[in-house]
């Protein structure tokens, strides 16, 4: 079922057009040069942008580029960022399928993947953002020692992700099956805040690029 298009969506997006990169491939390999930052981090599937905005506030020396394919959702993230008057955030209104067209080899320091679609059917596992096809792209755009920060509420996806990351040459650290067991840790997404209030466990892992297999 398709999401109903928000009222005045185009005009709302136009008001925040300076935050939206329509042709990200033109910045491939040049993001830090173009925007004059020390570090480039990306977020895949930023939703309404709560995590994006708070993370950018906490990391003012890093450029954060957030991808979100749903226009109805990214417009809220754009407006949230505009209201916060942040200079170190840009958005791409596209899926992560062509990540290596947008970012150059070894250009990215960190990738945030928060509560991505688990695609539970086995026949759809290649669509999971933590499956091998995507990990091959991450390995190419991450710098040596670069990290993937993964959070999810879905245990089967988490276990699948740990196995895939390990097989693809990433070193796993900070693996936890109940991130907020003793109190809130770090910046929460909108989904995460709701899950935490309901007492649902949040699974998190950091995967560091060590050797790499696909570059």
N, C-alpha and C. Protein backbone atom coordinates (compact mmCIF):
# COMPACT_ATOMS: atom_id res chain seq x y z
N UNK A 1 0.84 -1.19 0.00
CA UNK A 1 0.00 0.00 0.00
C UNK A 1 0.88 1.24 0.00
N UNK A 2 0.64 2.12 -0.95
CA UNK A 2 1.47 3.31 -1.06
C UNK A 2 1.06 4.37 -0.04
N UNK A 3 2.06 5.08 0.49
CA UNK A 3 1.79 6.13 1.44
C UNK A 3 1.19 7.34 0.73
N UNK A 4 0.15 7.91 1.29
CA UNK A 4 -0.49 9.08 0.69
C UNK A 4 0.45 10.28 0.74
N UNK A 5 0.59 10.97 -0.37
CA UNK A 5 1.51 12.10 -0.47
C UNK A 5 1.04 13.25 0.43
N UNK A 6 1.97 13.78 1.21
CA UNK A 6 1.64 14.86 2.13
C UNK A 6 1.22 16.12 1.38
N UNK A 7 0.36 16.91 2.01
CA UNK A 7 -0.09 18.17 1.45
C UNK A 7 1.09 19.14 1.30
N UNK A 8 1.15 19.79 0.15
CA UNK A 8 2.18 20.81 -0.13
C UNK A 8 3.59 20.26 0.04
N UNK A 9 3.76 18.98 -0.25
CA UNK A 9 5.06 18.33 -0.05
C UNK A 9 6.17 19.01 -0.84
N UNK A 10 5.93 19.26 -2.12
CA UNK A 10 6.98 19.84 -2.97
C UNK A 10 7.42 21.21 -2.47
N UNK A 11 6.47 22.04 -2.08
CA UNK A 11 6.82 23.38 -1.62
C UNK A 11 7.57 23.32 -0.29
N UNK A 12 7.21 22.37 0.55
CA UNK A 12 7.89 22.21 1.84
C UNK A 12 9.33 21.77 1.63
N UNK A 13 9.53 20.85 0.69
CA UNK A 13 10.88 20.38 0.38
C UNK A 13 11.69 21.51 -0.25
N UNK A 14 11.06 22.30 -1.12
CA UNK A 14 11.75 23.40 -1.78
C UNK A 14 12.30 24.42 -0.77
N UNK A 15 11.58 24.62 0.32
CA UNK A 15 12.03 25.58 1.33
C UNK A 15 13.31 25.12 2.03
N UNK A 16 13.57 23.82 1.97
CA UNK A 16 14.77 23.27 2.61
C UNK A 16 15.74 22.72 1.57
N UNK A 17 15.62 23.20 0.34
CA UNK A 17 16.36 22.62 -0.79
C UNK A 17 17.87 22.66 -0.59
N UNK A 18 18.36 23.63 0.16
CA UNK A 18 19.81 23.75 0.37
C UNK A 18 20.37 22.58 1.20
N UNK A 19 19.49 21.86 1.88
CA UNK A 19 19.91 20.71 2.68
C UNK A 19 19.84 19.39 1.91
N UNK A 20 19.21 19.43 0.76
CA UNK A 20 18.95 18.22 -0.02
C UNK A 20 19.87 18.16 -1.24
N UNK A 21 20.59 17.06 -1.36
CA UNK A 21 21.53 16.88 -2.47
C UNK A 21 20.84 16.07 -3.56
N UNK A 22 20.42 16.75 -4.62
CA UNK A 22 19.66 16.10 -5.68
C UNK A 22 20.53 15.15 -6.51
N UNK A 23 21.80 15.50 -6.71
CA UNK A 23 22.71 14.67 -7.50
C UNK A 23 23.95 14.35 -6.66
N UNK A 24 23.82 13.43 -5.71
CA UNK A 24 24.94 13.13 -4.80
C UNK A 24 26.17 12.58 -5.51
N UNK A 25 25.99 12.01 -6.69
CA UNK A 25 27.13 11.46 -7.43
C UNK A 25 28.14 12.55 -7.81
N UNK A 26 27.70 13.80 -7.86
CA UNK A 26 28.63 14.89 -8.20
C UNK A 26 29.61 15.18 -7.06
N UNK A 27 29.26 14.72 -5.86
CA UNK A 27 30.15 14.91 -4.71
C UNK A 27 30.98 13.68 -4.39
N UNK A 28 30.83 12.62 -5.16
CA UNK A 28 31.52 11.37 -4.88
C UNK A 28 33.03 11.58 -4.80
N UNK A 29 33.61 11.24 -3.64
CA UNK A 29 35.03 11.41 -3.42
C UNK A 29 35.44 12.82 -3.03
N UNK A 30 34.46 13.74 -2.93
CA UNK A 30 34.77 15.15 -2.71
C UNK A 30 33.98 15.78 -1.57
N UNK A 31 33.26 14.99 -0.80
CA UNK A 31 32.38 15.56 0.22
C UNK A 31 33.12 16.45 1.22
N UNK A 32 34.23 15.97 1.73
CA UNK A 32 34.97 16.75 2.73
C UNK A 32 35.57 18.01 2.12
N UNK A 33 35.96 17.91 0.88
CA UNK A 33 36.50 19.08 0.18
C UNK A 33 35.40 20.12 -0.08
N UNK A 34 34.25 19.65 -0.53
CA UNK A 34 33.16 20.56 -0.87
C UNK A 34 32.61 21.26 0.36
N UNK A 35 32.47 20.51 1.48
CA UNK A 35 31.82 21.08 2.65
C UNK A 35 32.79 21.44 3.77
N UNK A 36 34.07 21.16 3.58
CA UNK A 36 35.12 21.58 4.52
C UNK A 36 34.90 21.06 5.94
N UNK A 37 34.78 19.73 6.05
CA UNK A 37 34.70 19.09 7.36
C UNK A 37 35.81 18.06 7.50
N UNK A 38 36.08 17.67 8.74
CA UNK A 38 37.17 16.74 9.02
C UNK A 38 36.77 15.28 8.84
N UNK A 39 35.46 15.01 8.88
CA UNK A 39 35.00 13.63 8.89
C UNK A 39 33.65 13.54 8.20
N UNK A 40 33.42 12.44 7.51
CA UNK A 40 32.14 12.20 6.84
C UNK A 40 31.50 10.94 7.42
N UNK A 41 30.30 11.11 7.96
CA UNK A 41 29.50 9.99 8.45
C UNK A 41 28.20 9.94 7.67
N UNK A 42 27.64 8.75 7.51
CA UNK A 42 26.37 8.64 6.81
C UNK A 42 25.38 7.83 7.63
N UNK A 43 24.10 8.12 7.41
CA UNK A 43 23.02 7.40 8.08
C UNK A 43 22.10 6.84 7.00
N UNK A 44 21.77 5.58 7.09
CA UNK A 44 20.94 4.92 6.09
C UNK A 44 19.53 4.74 6.63
N UNK A 45 18.58 5.43 6.03
CA UNK A 45 17.20 5.36 6.49
C UNK A 45 16.98 6.21 7.72
N UNK A 46 17.05 7.53 7.54
CA UNK A 46 17.04 8.43 8.71
C UNK A 46 15.64 8.70 9.25
N UNK A 47 14.59 8.30 8.54
CA UNK A 47 13.25 8.56 9.02
C UNK A 47 12.98 10.04 9.18
N UNK A 48 12.39 10.42 10.30
CA UNK A 48 12.01 11.82 10.54
C UNK A 48 13.16 12.68 11.05
N UNK A 49 14.34 12.07 11.23
CA UNK A 49 15.53 12.86 11.48
C UNK A 49 15.87 13.21 12.92
N UNK A 50 15.17 12.65 13.89
CA UNK A 50 15.48 12.97 15.29
C UNK A 50 16.90 12.55 15.65
N UNK A 51 17.26 11.32 15.31
CA UNK A 51 18.62 10.84 15.58
C UNK A 51 19.63 11.66 14.78
N UNK A 52 19.30 11.98 13.55
CA UNK A 52 20.20 12.73 12.67
C UNK A 52 20.55 14.07 13.29
N UNK A 53 19.54 14.80 13.70
CA UNK A 53 19.74 16.15 14.23
C UNK A 53 20.54 16.12 15.53
N UNK A 54 20.17 15.23 16.44
CA UNK A 54 20.87 15.19 17.73
C UNK A 54 22.32 14.72 17.56
N UNK A 55 22.55 13.80 16.64
CA UNK A 55 23.90 13.33 16.38
C UNK A 55 24.75 14.44 15.78
N UNK A 56 24.18 15.19 14.86
CA UNK A 56 24.91 16.31 14.24
C UNK A 56 25.25 17.39 15.28
N UNK A 57 24.36 17.61 16.21
CA UNK A 57 24.64 18.58 17.28
C UNK A 57 25.83 18.13 18.12
N UNK A 58 25.92 16.83 18.37
CA UNK A 58 26.98 16.28 19.22
C UNK A 58 28.31 16.14 18.49
N UNK A 59 28.28 16.19 17.15
CA UNK A 59 29.49 16.00 16.36
C UNK A 59 29.63 17.16 15.36
N UNK A 60 29.86 18.37 15.83
CA UNK A 60 29.87 19.54 14.95
C UNK A 60 31.01 19.57 13.94
N UNK A 61 32.07 18.80 14.18
CA UNK A 61 33.19 18.77 13.24
C UNK A 61 33.04 17.72 12.14
N UNK A 62 31.95 16.97 12.18
CA UNK A 62 31.71 15.92 11.19
C UNK A 62 30.52 16.29 10.30
N UNK A 63 30.63 15.99 9.03
CA UNK A 63 29.51 16.14 8.12
C UNK A 63 28.69 14.86 8.16
N UNK A 64 27.40 14.99 8.40
CA UNK A 64 26.51 13.84 8.45
C UNK A 64 25.57 13.89 7.24
N UNK A 65 25.66 12.89 6.39
CA UNK A 65 24.79 12.79 5.22
C UNK A 65 23.81 11.65 5.46
N UNK A 66 22.53 11.99 5.48
CA UNK A 66 21.49 11.01 5.80
C UNK A 66 20.68 10.67 4.56
N UNK A 67 20.48 9.38 4.33
CA UNK A 67 19.68 8.91 3.20
C UNK A 67 18.30 8.48 3.69
N UNK A 68 17.28 8.86 2.94
CA UNK A 68 15.91 8.43 3.22
C UNK A 68 15.15 8.45 1.90
N UNK A 69 14.61 7.30 1.51
CA UNK A 69 13.99 7.20 0.19
C UNK A 69 12.54 7.68 0.14
N UNK A 70 11.90 7.83 1.29
CA UNK A 70 10.49 8.21 1.32
C UNK A 70 10.36 9.72 1.49
N UNK A 71 9.83 10.39 0.48
CA UNK A 71 9.72 11.85 0.48
C UNK A 71 8.83 12.35 1.61
N UNK A 72 7.74 11.64 1.88
CA UNK A 72 6.82 12.04 2.95
C UNK A 72 7.51 12.09 4.31
N UNK A 73 8.56 11.31 4.46
CA UNK A 73 9.28 11.22 5.73
C UNK A 73 10.46 12.19 5.77
N UNK A 74 11.20 12.23 4.67
CA UNK A 74 12.41 13.07 4.67
C UNK A 74 12.07 14.55 4.82
N UNK A 75 10.88 14.95 4.39
CA UNK A 75 10.51 16.37 4.52
C UNK A 75 10.49 16.78 5.98
N UNK A 76 10.09 15.88 6.87
CA UNK A 76 10.07 16.19 8.30
C UNK A 76 11.50 16.33 8.83
N UNK A 77 12.38 15.45 8.36
CA UNK A 77 13.79 15.54 8.76
C UNK A 77 14.41 16.85 8.27
N UNK A 78 14.09 17.23 7.04
CA UNK A 78 14.60 18.49 6.49
C UNK A 78 14.14 19.68 7.34
N UNK A 79 12.87 19.71 7.67
CA UNK A 79 12.33 20.82 8.46
C UNK A 79 12.89 20.84 9.87
N UNK A 80 13.08 19.67 10.44
CA UNK A 80 13.68 19.56 11.77
C UNK A 80 15.10 20.13 11.77
N UNK A 81 15.85 19.80 10.73
CA UNK A 81 17.23 20.29 10.61
C UNK A 81 17.27 21.78 10.37
N UNK A 82 16.36 22.27 9.55
CA UNK A 82 16.27 23.70 9.28
C UNK A 82 15.98 24.48 10.56
N UNK A 83 15.05 23.98 11.36
CA UNK A 83 14.69 24.64 12.61
C UNK A 83 15.86 24.65 13.59
N UNK A 84 16.67 23.59 13.55
CA UNK A 84 17.83 23.51 14.45
C UNK A 84 19.01 24.34 13.97
N UNK A 85 18.91 24.88 12.73
CA UNK A 85 19.94 25.73 12.14
C UNK A 85 21.30 25.03 12.09
N UNK A 86 21.27 23.76 11.73
CA UNK A 86 22.50 22.98 11.63
C UNK A 86 23.14 23.15 10.25
N UNK A 87 24.45 23.28 10.25
CA UNK A 87 25.18 23.45 9.00
C UNK A 87 25.84 22.15 8.54
N UNK A 88 25.96 21.18 9.42
CA UNK A 88 26.75 19.98 9.12
C UNK A 88 25.89 18.76 8.78
N UNK A 89 24.71 18.99 8.23
CA UNK A 89 23.83 17.90 7.81
C UNK A 89 23.38 18.12 6.37
N UNK A 90 23.39 17.06 5.58
CA UNK A 90 22.81 17.08 4.24
C UNK A 90 22.01 15.79 4.06
N UNK A 91 21.04 15.84 3.16
CA UNK A 91 20.15 14.70 2.95
C UNK A 91 20.15 14.26 1.49
N UNK A 92 19.93 12.96 1.30
CA UNK A 92 19.79 12.38 -0.02
C UNK A 92 18.46 11.62 -0.04
N UNK A 93 17.57 12.02 -0.93
CA UNK A 93 16.24 11.41 -1.02
C UNK A 93 16.28 10.22 -1.99
N UNK A 94 17.10 9.24 -1.64
CA UNK A 94 17.29 8.05 -2.48
C UNK A 94 17.59 6.85 -1.58
N UNK A 95 17.39 5.63 -2.08
CA UNK A 95 17.75 4.44 -1.31
C UNK A 95 19.26 4.23 -1.29
N UNK A 96 19.69 3.27 -0.49
CA UNK A 96 21.12 3.01 -0.33
C UNK A 96 21.68 2.07 -1.39
N UNK A 97 20.87 1.69 -2.36
CA UNK A 97 21.28 0.68 -3.34
C UNK A 97 22.49 1.08 -4.19
N UNK A 98 22.69 2.38 -4.37
CA UNK A 98 23.78 2.85 -5.23
C UNK A 98 24.79 3.68 -4.43
N UNK A 99 25.08 3.23 -3.24
CA UNK A 99 25.92 3.97 -2.32
C UNK A 99 27.30 4.29 -2.89
N UNK A 100 27.86 3.37 -3.65
CA UNK A 100 29.20 3.59 -4.20
C UNK A 100 29.20 4.61 -5.33
N UNK A 101 28.03 4.99 -5.82
CA UNK A 101 27.94 6.09 -6.78
C UNK A 101 27.96 7.44 -6.07
N UNK A 102 27.57 7.43 -4.79
CA UNK A 102 27.46 8.67 -4.03
C UNK A 102 28.72 9.00 -3.23
N UNK A 103 29.42 7.94 -2.78
CA UNK A 103 30.58 8.14 -1.91
C UNK A 103 31.79 7.40 -2.47
N UNK A 104 32.96 8.04 -2.36
CA UNK A 104 34.18 7.49 -2.92
C UNK A 104 34.82 6.45 -2.02
N UNK A 105 35.81 5.78 -2.55
CA UNK A 105 36.53 4.74 -1.83
C UNK A 105 37.20 5.32 -0.59
N UNK A 106 36.93 4.72 0.56
CA UNK A 106 37.54 5.13 1.81
C UNK A 106 37.17 6.52 2.29
N UNK A 107 36.04 7.03 1.83
CA UNK A 107 35.67 8.42 2.14
C UNK A 107 34.88 8.56 3.44
N UNK A 108 34.25 7.47 3.87
CA UNK A 108 33.31 7.52 5.00
C UNK A 108 33.96 6.97 6.27
N UNK A 109 33.74 7.65 7.38
CA UNK A 109 34.29 7.20 8.67
C UNK A 109 33.33 6.29 9.42
N UNK A 110 32.02 6.57 9.30
CA UNK A 110 31.05 5.82 10.10
C UNK A 110 29.74 5.71 9.34
N UNK A 111 29.09 4.57 9.49
CA UNK A 111 27.76 4.34 8.91
C UNK A 111 26.79 3.99 10.03
N UNK A 112 25.71 4.75 10.13
CA UNK A 112 24.66 4.46 11.10
C UNK A 112 23.52 3.72 10.41
N UNK A 113 23.13 2.58 10.97
CA UNK A 113 21.98 1.82 10.47
C UNK A 113 21.06 1.58 11.67
N UNK A 114 19.96 2.32 11.72
CA UNK A 114 19.06 2.25 12.86
C UNK A 114 17.70 1.70 12.45
N UNK A 115 17.34 0.53 13.00
CA UNK A 115 15.99 -0.03 12.86
C UNK A 115 15.57 -0.14 11.39
N UNK A 116 16.44 -0.73 10.61
CA UNK A 116 16.15 -0.93 9.19
C UNK A 116 15.10 -2.02 9.01
N UNK A 117 14.49 -2.05 7.84
CA UNK A 117 13.49 -3.06 7.50
C UNK A 117 14.14 -4.44 7.61
N UNK A 118 13.57 -5.36 8.41
CA UNK A 118 14.20 -6.68 8.59
C UNK A 118 14.01 -7.62 7.40
N UNK A 119 13.10 -7.31 6.50
CA UNK A 119 12.84 -8.20 5.36
C UNK A 119 12.88 -9.66 5.85
N UNK A 120 11.89 -10.08 6.63
CA UNK A 120 11.97 -11.38 7.32
C UNK A 120 11.97 -12.61 6.42
N UNK A 121 11.35 -12.53 5.25
CA UNK A 121 11.34 -13.70 4.36
C UNK A 121 12.75 -13.99 3.85
N UNK A 122 13.14 -15.25 3.89
CA UNK A 122 14.48 -15.64 3.49
C UNK A 122 14.78 -15.24 2.04
N UNK A 123 13.77 -15.24 1.19
CA UNK A 123 13.98 -14.91 -0.21
C UNK A 123 14.33 -13.43 -0.41
N UNK A 124 14.10 -12.62 0.64
CA UNK A 124 14.38 -11.19 0.57
C UNK A 124 15.65 -10.78 1.30
N UNK A 125 16.44 -11.76 1.73
CA UNK A 125 17.58 -11.42 2.59
C UNK A 125 18.59 -10.50 1.91
N UNK A 126 18.65 -10.53 0.57
CA UNK A 126 19.59 -9.64 -0.14
C UNK A 126 19.17 -8.18 -0.04
N UNK A 127 17.93 -7.94 0.37
CA UNK A 127 17.46 -6.57 0.52
C UNK A 127 17.81 -5.98 1.89
N UNK A 128 18.20 -6.83 2.81
CA UNK A 128 18.53 -6.34 4.15
C UNK A 128 19.79 -5.48 4.10
N UNK A 129 19.76 -4.36 4.79
CA UNK A 129 20.89 -3.43 4.76
C UNK A 129 22.13 -3.99 5.42
N UNK A 130 22.00 -5.14 6.08
CA UNK A 130 23.16 -5.77 6.70
C UNK A 130 23.52 -7.08 6.01
N UNK A 131 22.98 -7.31 4.82
CA UNK A 131 23.33 -8.48 4.04
C UNK A 131 24.58 -8.25 3.22
N UNK A 132 25.15 -9.32 2.70
CA UNK A 132 26.44 -9.23 2.00
C UNK A 132 26.46 -8.22 0.85
N UNK A 133 25.42 -8.13 0.00
CA UNK A 133 25.50 -7.15 -1.09
C UNK A 133 25.72 -5.72 -0.61
N UNK A 134 25.07 -5.37 0.49
CA UNK A 134 25.26 -4.03 1.03
C UNK A 134 26.60 -3.91 1.77
N UNK A 135 26.99 -4.96 2.48
CA UNK A 135 28.27 -4.92 3.18
C UNK A 135 29.43 -4.75 2.21
N UNK A 136 29.31 -5.28 1.02
CA UNK A 136 30.34 -5.10 0.01
C UNK A 136 30.49 -3.62 -0.35
N UNK A 137 29.37 -2.91 -0.42
CA UNK A 137 29.42 -1.48 -0.70
C UNK A 137 30.00 -0.70 0.47
N UNK A 138 29.59 -1.08 1.68
CA UNK A 138 30.11 -0.38 2.87
C UNK A 138 31.62 -0.52 2.96
N UNK A 139 32.11 -1.73 2.67
CA UNK A 139 33.56 -1.97 2.75
C UNK A 139 34.31 -1.07 1.78
N UNK A 140 33.70 -0.75 0.65
CA UNK A 140 34.35 0.09 -0.34
C UNK A 140 34.39 1.56 0.07
N UNK A 141 33.31 2.05 0.67
CA UNK A 141 33.25 3.49 0.99
C UNK A 141 33.86 3.81 2.35
N UNK A 142 33.97 2.81 3.23
CA UNK A 142 34.55 3.06 4.56
C UNK A 142 36.07 3.18 4.49
N UNK A 143 36.61 4.06 5.31
CA UNK A 143 38.06 4.15 5.45
C UNK A 143 38.55 2.99 6.32
N UNK A 144 39.84 2.65 6.26
CA UNK A 144 40.37 1.61 7.14
C UNK A 144 40.07 1.94 8.61
N UNK A 145 39.51 0.99 9.32
CA UNK A 145 39.12 1.24 10.71
C UNK A 145 37.76 1.90 10.84
N UNK A 146 37.10 2.17 9.71
CA UNK A 146 35.76 2.75 9.74
C UNK A 146 34.76 1.82 10.40
N UNK A 147 33.65 2.37 10.84
CA UNK A 147 32.71 1.60 11.66
C UNK A 147 31.28 1.64 11.11
N UNK A 148 30.58 0.55 11.38
CA UNK A 148 29.14 0.48 11.18
C UNK A 148 28.50 0.40 12.57
N UNK A 149 27.58 1.30 12.85
CA UNK A 149 26.85 1.28 14.11
C UNK A 149 25.44 0.79 13.82
N UNK A 150 25.10 -0.37 14.32
CA UNK A 150 23.81 -1.00 14.04
C UNK A 150 22.95 -1.07 15.29
N UNK A 151 21.68 -0.66 15.15
CA UNK A 151 20.70 -0.85 16.22
C UNK A 151 19.41 -1.40 15.61
N UNK A 152 18.78 -2.33 16.34
CA UNK A 152 17.53 -2.91 15.88
C UNK A 152 16.76 -3.47 17.06
N UNK A 153 15.46 -3.64 16.85
CA UNK A 153 14.62 -4.31 17.85
C UNK A 153 14.31 -5.73 17.43
N UNK A 154 14.85 -6.14 16.28
CA UNK A 154 14.52 -7.43 15.68
C UNK A 154 15.66 -8.43 15.91
N UNK A 155 15.44 -9.40 16.77
CA UNK A 155 16.50 -10.35 17.12
C UNK A 155 16.95 -11.21 15.94
N UNK A 156 16.04 -11.77 15.13
CA UNK A 156 16.51 -12.54 13.97
C UNK A 156 17.38 -11.72 13.03
N UNK A 157 16.99 -10.47 12.81
CA UNK A 157 17.81 -9.60 11.95
C UNK A 157 19.17 -9.35 12.60
N UNK A 158 19.18 -9.15 13.89
CA UNK A 158 20.44 -8.88 14.61
C UNK A 158 21.38 -10.07 14.49
N UNK A 159 20.85 -11.27 14.72
CA UNK A 159 21.69 -12.46 14.64
C UNK A 159 22.20 -12.68 13.21
N UNK A 160 21.33 -12.45 12.24
CA UNK A 160 21.74 -12.53 10.83
C UNK A 160 22.85 -11.51 10.55
N UNK A 161 22.69 -10.30 11.05
CA UNK A 161 23.65 -9.23 10.80
C UNK A 161 25.01 -9.54 11.39
N UNK A 162 25.04 -10.06 12.60
CA UNK A 162 26.31 -10.41 13.24
C UNK A 162 27.05 -11.47 12.43
N UNK A 163 26.30 -12.44 11.93
CA UNK A 163 26.92 -13.49 11.14
C UNK A 163 27.47 -12.95 9.82
N UNK A 164 26.69 -12.11 9.15
CA UNK A 164 27.12 -11.53 7.88
C UNK A 164 28.34 -10.62 8.06
N UNK A 165 28.31 -9.80 9.09
CA UNK A 165 29.42 -8.89 9.35
C UNK A 165 30.71 -9.67 9.63
N UNK A 166 30.59 -10.70 10.42
CA UNK A 166 31.75 -11.53 10.74
C UNK A 166 32.30 -12.20 9.48
N UNK A 167 31.42 -12.72 8.66
CA UNK A 167 31.85 -13.41 7.43
C UNK A 167 32.48 -12.46 6.42
N UNK A 168 32.08 -11.21 6.48
CA UNK A 168 32.58 -10.23 5.51
C UNK A 168 33.80 -9.45 6.01
N UNK A 169 34.42 -9.93 7.07
CA UNK A 169 35.69 -9.35 7.49
C UNK A 169 35.63 -8.18 8.43
N UNK A 170 34.47 -7.94 9.05
CA UNK A 170 34.35 -6.87 10.04
C UNK A 170 34.62 -7.43 11.43
N UNK A 171 35.21 -6.61 12.28
CA UNK A 171 35.45 -6.99 13.67
C UNK A 171 34.33 -6.45 14.53
N UNK A 172 33.64 -7.33 15.25
CA UNK A 172 32.49 -6.93 16.06
C UNK A 172 32.92 -6.51 17.46
N UNK A 173 32.38 -5.37 17.91
CA UNK A 173 32.63 -4.89 19.27
C UNK A 173 31.32 -4.35 19.83
N UNK A 174 31.30 -4.14 21.13
CA UNK A 174 30.15 -3.51 21.79
C UNK A 174 28.83 -4.19 21.44
N UNK A 175 28.85 -5.50 21.38
CA UNK A 175 27.63 -6.25 21.06
C UNK A 175 26.79 -6.37 22.33
N UNK A 176 25.55 -5.92 22.26
CA UNK A 176 24.66 -6.01 23.41
C UNK A 176 23.26 -6.41 22.97
N UNK A 177 22.59 -7.20 23.80
CA UNK A 177 21.23 -7.63 23.51
C UNK A 177 20.20 -6.86 24.34
N UNK A 178 20.64 -5.88 25.08
CA UNK A 178 19.69 -5.04 25.84
C UNK A 178 20.38 -3.72 26.16
N UNK A 179 20.47 -2.87 25.16
CA UNK A 179 21.27 -1.65 25.25
C UNK A 179 20.87 -0.76 26.41
N UNK A 180 19.58 -0.62 26.64
CA UNK A 180 19.10 0.34 27.65
C UNK A 180 18.67 -0.33 28.96
N UNK A 181 19.21 -1.51 29.21
CA UNK A 181 18.80 -2.28 30.39
C UNK A 181 18.98 -1.50 31.68
N UNK A 182 20.05 -0.71 31.77
CA UNK A 182 20.35 0.02 33.01
C UNK A 182 20.21 1.53 32.82
N UNK A 183 19.39 1.93 31.88
CA UNK A 183 19.19 3.35 31.60
C UNK A 183 19.52 3.66 30.15
N UNK A 184 18.97 4.77 29.68
CA UNK A 184 19.13 5.14 28.28
C UNK A 184 20.60 5.40 27.94
N UNK A 185 21.03 4.83 26.83
CA UNK A 185 22.41 4.97 26.35
C UNK A 185 22.39 5.64 24.99
N UNK A 186 23.07 6.77 24.87
CA UNK A 186 23.21 7.42 23.58
C UNK A 186 21.95 8.11 23.09
N UNK A 187 21.94 8.43 21.81
CA UNK A 187 20.84 9.14 21.17
C UNK A 187 19.82 8.13 20.64
N UNK A 188 18.56 8.39 20.93
CA UNK A 188 17.50 7.47 20.53
C UNK A 188 16.80 7.96 19.26
N UNK A 189 16.39 7.02 18.42
CA UNK A 189 15.51 7.35 17.31
C UNK A 189 14.08 7.43 17.85
N UNK A 190 13.16 7.91 17.02
CA UNK A 190 11.75 7.96 17.44
C UNK A 190 11.22 6.57 17.75
N UNK A 191 11.52 5.62 16.87
CA UNK A 191 11.09 4.24 17.10
C UNK A 191 11.69 3.69 18.40
N UNK A 192 12.95 3.97 18.58
CA UNK A 192 13.67 3.43 19.74
C UNK A 192 13.08 3.94 21.04
N UNK A 193 12.71 5.21 21.08
CA UNK A 193 12.13 5.79 22.28
C UNK A 193 10.82 5.08 22.65
N UNK A 194 10.02 4.78 21.63
CA UNK A 194 8.76 4.07 21.87
C UNK A 194 9.02 2.64 22.35
N UNK A 195 9.96 1.97 21.70
CA UNK A 195 10.28 0.60 22.09
C UNK A 195 10.80 0.56 23.52
N UNK A 196 11.64 1.52 23.86
CA UNK A 196 12.22 1.56 25.20
C UNK A 196 11.15 1.79 26.26
N UNK A 197 10.19 2.64 25.98
CA UNK A 197 9.09 2.89 26.90
C UNK A 197 8.26 1.63 27.14
N UNK A 198 8.18 0.80 26.10
CA UNK A 198 7.43 -0.45 26.20
C UNK A 198 8.24 -1.59 26.83
N UNK A 199 9.50 -1.30 27.16
CA UNK A 199 10.34 -2.30 27.79
C UNK A 199 10.93 -3.32 26.83
N UNK A 200 10.90 -3.00 25.53
CA UNK A 200 11.44 -3.92 24.53
C UNK A 200 12.96 -3.81 24.49
N UNK A 201 13.68 -4.91 24.39
CA UNK A 201 15.14 -4.84 24.31
C UNK A 201 15.60 -4.28 22.96
N UNK A 202 16.66 -3.51 23.02
CA UNK A 202 17.27 -2.96 21.83
C UNK A 202 18.63 -3.63 21.64
N UNK A 203 18.87 -4.13 20.45
CA UNK A 203 20.12 -4.83 20.14
C UNK A 203 21.05 -3.87 19.40
N UNK A 204 22.32 -3.87 19.82
CA UNK A 204 23.28 -2.97 19.19
C UNK A 204 24.62 -3.66 19.01
N UNK A 205 25.29 -3.29 17.94
CA UNK A 205 26.66 -3.75 17.71
C UNK A 205 27.41 -2.70 16.91
N UNK A 206 28.71 -2.64 17.13
CA UNK A 206 29.60 -1.82 16.31
C UNK A 206 30.51 -2.78 15.55
N UNK A 207 30.59 -2.58 14.26
CA UNK A 207 31.44 -3.42 13.41
C UNK A 207 32.53 -2.56 12.80
N UNK A 208 33.76 -2.94 13.04
CA UNK A 208 34.89 -2.16 12.52
C UNK A 208 35.51 -2.85 11.32
N UNK A 209 35.80 -2.04 10.30
CA UNK A 209 36.44 -2.57 9.10
C UNK A 209 37.90 -2.85 9.41
N UNK A 210 38.23 -4.11 9.38
CA UNK A 210 39.63 -4.48 9.71
C UNK A 210 40.37 -4.85 8.43
N UNK A 211 40.13 -6.05 7.92
CA UNK A 211 40.82 -6.46 6.70
C UNK A 211 40.09 -6.04 5.45
N UNK A 212 38.80 -6.41 5.39
CA UNK A 212 38.02 -6.13 4.20
C UNK A 212 38.25 -7.21 3.13
N UNK A 213 37.21 -7.53 2.40
CA UNK A 213 37.31 -8.60 1.39
C UNK A 213 36.94 -8.15 0.00
N UNK A 214 36.33 -6.97 -0.14
CA UNK A 214 35.73 -6.65 -1.41
C UNK A 214 36.32 -5.43 -2.11
N UNK A 215 37.31 -4.78 -1.52
CA UNK A 215 37.85 -3.56 -2.11
C UNK A 215 38.73 -3.89 -3.31
